[in-house]
Amino acid sequence: MRIRSLLIVCLLTLAVSTQAQSVPEALEFTEVYDFLDELATDGIIDLTEAVRPYSRVQIAAMLRSALDKDSLLSRRQQDDLQFYMQDYALELDTLPVYHSYGHRHVT
């Protein structure tokens, strides 16, 4: 019985720690939302499936998507993108890389 209780506690701890990895970016403390809205308005990224607040990983994925279309960005947008990519560098490093032929490659 004691081992069973210990196992349950361990599983619950693991479940709680897994949930804690997705941290939303506060709406009132960041300008990245305005930047993402601007990119969506310009057709660079798609926000139709996203619901605020976005997690830092979601924001990093949107930034990477914008980087794939950097030729469509203005000079200011390119500078802003580089600035935000530095801020989200940790999350960008954890995202899988998809090649144009659809296969996933983790870096």
Protein backbone atom coordinates (compact mmCIF):
# COMPACT_ATOMS: atom_id res chain seq x y z
CA MET A 1 0.00 0.00 0.00
CA ARG A 2 2.85 2.37 0.84
CA ILE A 3 4.54 1.76 -2.52
CA ARG A 4 1.27 2.37 -4.33
CA SER A 5 0.80 5.71 -2.54
CA LEU A 6 4.35 6.72 -3.38
CA LEU A 7 3.78 5.82 -7.02
CA ILE A 8 0.61 7.92 -7.16
CA VAL A 9 2.40 10.92 -5.63
CA CYS A 10 5.23 10.58 -8.16
CA LEU A 11 2.81 10.41 -11.09
CA LEU A 12 0.88 13.45 -9.85
CA THR A 13 4.12 15.40 -9.41
CA LEU A 14 5.16 14.51 -12.95
CA ALA A 15 1.78 15.59 -14.32
CA VAL A 16 1.93 18.93 -12.51
CA SER A 17 5.48 19.67 -13.66
CA THR A 18 4.58 18.84 -17.26
CA GLN A 19 1.70 21.34 -17.17
CA ALA A 20 3.94 24.12 -15.83
CA GLN A 21 6.11 24.26 -18.98
CA SER A 22 3.68 26.36 -21.01
CA VAL A 23 3.97 29.86 -19.60
CA PRO A 24 1.74 32.52 -21.16
CA GLU A 25 3.25 35.89 -21.97
CA ALA A 26 1.44 38.60 -20.01
CA LEU A 27 -0.74 40.77 -22.23
CA GLU A 28 -0.03 44.02 -20.40
CA PHE A 29 3.76 43.68 -20.18
CA THR A 30 4.84 43.09 -23.75
CA GLU A 31 4.74 44.83 -27.11
CA VAL A 32 5.28 41.57 -28.95
CA TYR A 33 1.50 41.19 -29.27
CA ASP A 34 1.32 44.45 -31.27
CA PHE A 35 4.14 43.23 -33.48
CA LEU A 36 2.45 39.87 -34.09
CA ASP A 37 -0.84 41.64 -34.88
CA GLU A 38 0.99 43.82 -37.39
CA LEU A 39 2.55 40.78 -39.05
CA ALA A 40 -0.84 39.08 -39.21
CA THR A 41 -2.43 42.19 -40.74
CA ASP A 42 0.32 42.21 -43.38
CA GLY A 43 -0.33 38.53 -44.12
CA ILE A 44 3.10 37.40 -42.88
CA ILE A 45 1.76 35.09 -40.15
CA ASP A 46 -1.64 33.57 -39.39
CA LEU A 47 -3.24 34.20 -36.01
CA THR A 48 -6.68 32.75 -36.77
CA GLU A 49 -6.07 29.62 -34.66
CA ALA A 50 -4.27 31.38 -31.80
CA VAL A 51 -5.98 32.47 -28.60
CA ARG A 52 -4.44 35.04 -26.27
CA PRO A 53 -2.47 34.93 -24.11
CA TYR A 54 0.07 33.09 -26.23
CA SER A 55 2.69 30.92 -24.59
CA ARG A 56 6.32 31.86 -25.13
CA VAL A 57 6.69 28.75 -27.30
CA GLN A 58 3.73 29.85 -29.48
CA ILE A 59 5.26 33.31 -29.87
CA ALA A 60 8.62 31.77 -30.79
CA ALA A 61 6.91 29.62 -33.44
CA MET A 62 5.19 32.71 -34.89
CA LEU A 63 8.50 34.57 -34.98
CA ARG A 64 10.17 31.66 -36.76
CA SER A 65 7.30 31.63 -39.26
CA ALA A 66 7.86 35.35 -39.90
CA LEU A 67 11.58 34.73 -40.38
CA ASP A 68 10.73 32.33 -43.21
CA LYS A 69 9.08 35.28 -45.01
CA ASP A 70 11.59 37.98 -44.08
CA SER A 71 11.76 39.23 -47.67
CA LEU A 72 8.19 40.51 -47.20
CA LEU A 73 9.10 42.50 -44.08
CA SER A 74 9.98 46.18 -43.97
CA ARG A 75 13.41 47.13 -42.61
CA ARG A 76 11.84 48.12 -39.27
CA GLN A 77 9.93 44.85 -39.08
CA GLN A 78 13.14 42.93 -39.79
CA ASP A 79 14.87 44.81 -36.97
CA ASP A 80 11.96 44.19 -34.61
CA LEU A 81 11.91 40.51 -35.57
CA GLN A 82 15.60 40.16 -34.75
CA PHE A 83 15.04 41.93 -31.42
CA TYR A 84 12.17 39.62 -30.44
CA MET A 85 14.02 36.54 -31.64
CA GLN A 86 16.80 37.37 -29.19
CA ASP A 87 14.24 37.66 -26.40
CA TYR A 88 12.70 34.29 -27.33
CA ALA A 89 16.00 32.55 -28.17
CA LEU A 90 15.55 29.84 -25.53
CA GLU A 91 12.11 28.91 -26.86
CA LEU A 92 13.36 29.05 -30.46
CA ASP A 93 16.08 26.56 -29.60
CA THR A 94 13.51 24.07 -28.32
CA LEU A 95 11.30 24.19 -31.43
CA PRO A 96 11.67 21.42 -34.00
CA VAL A 97 12.88 22.48 -37.42
CA TYR A 98 10.71 21.50 -40.38
CA HIS A 99 12.31 21.27 -43.77
CA SER A 100 10.40 22.30 -46.87
CA TYR A 101 9.71 18.66 -47.70
CA GLY A 102 7.86 18.21 -44.40
CA HIS A 103 10.27 16.10 -42.36
CA ARG A 104 11.04 17.15 -38.84
CA HIS A 105 14.62 17.66 -37.75
CA VAL A 106 15.31 18.54 -34.12
CA THR A 107 18.31 20.78 -33.55
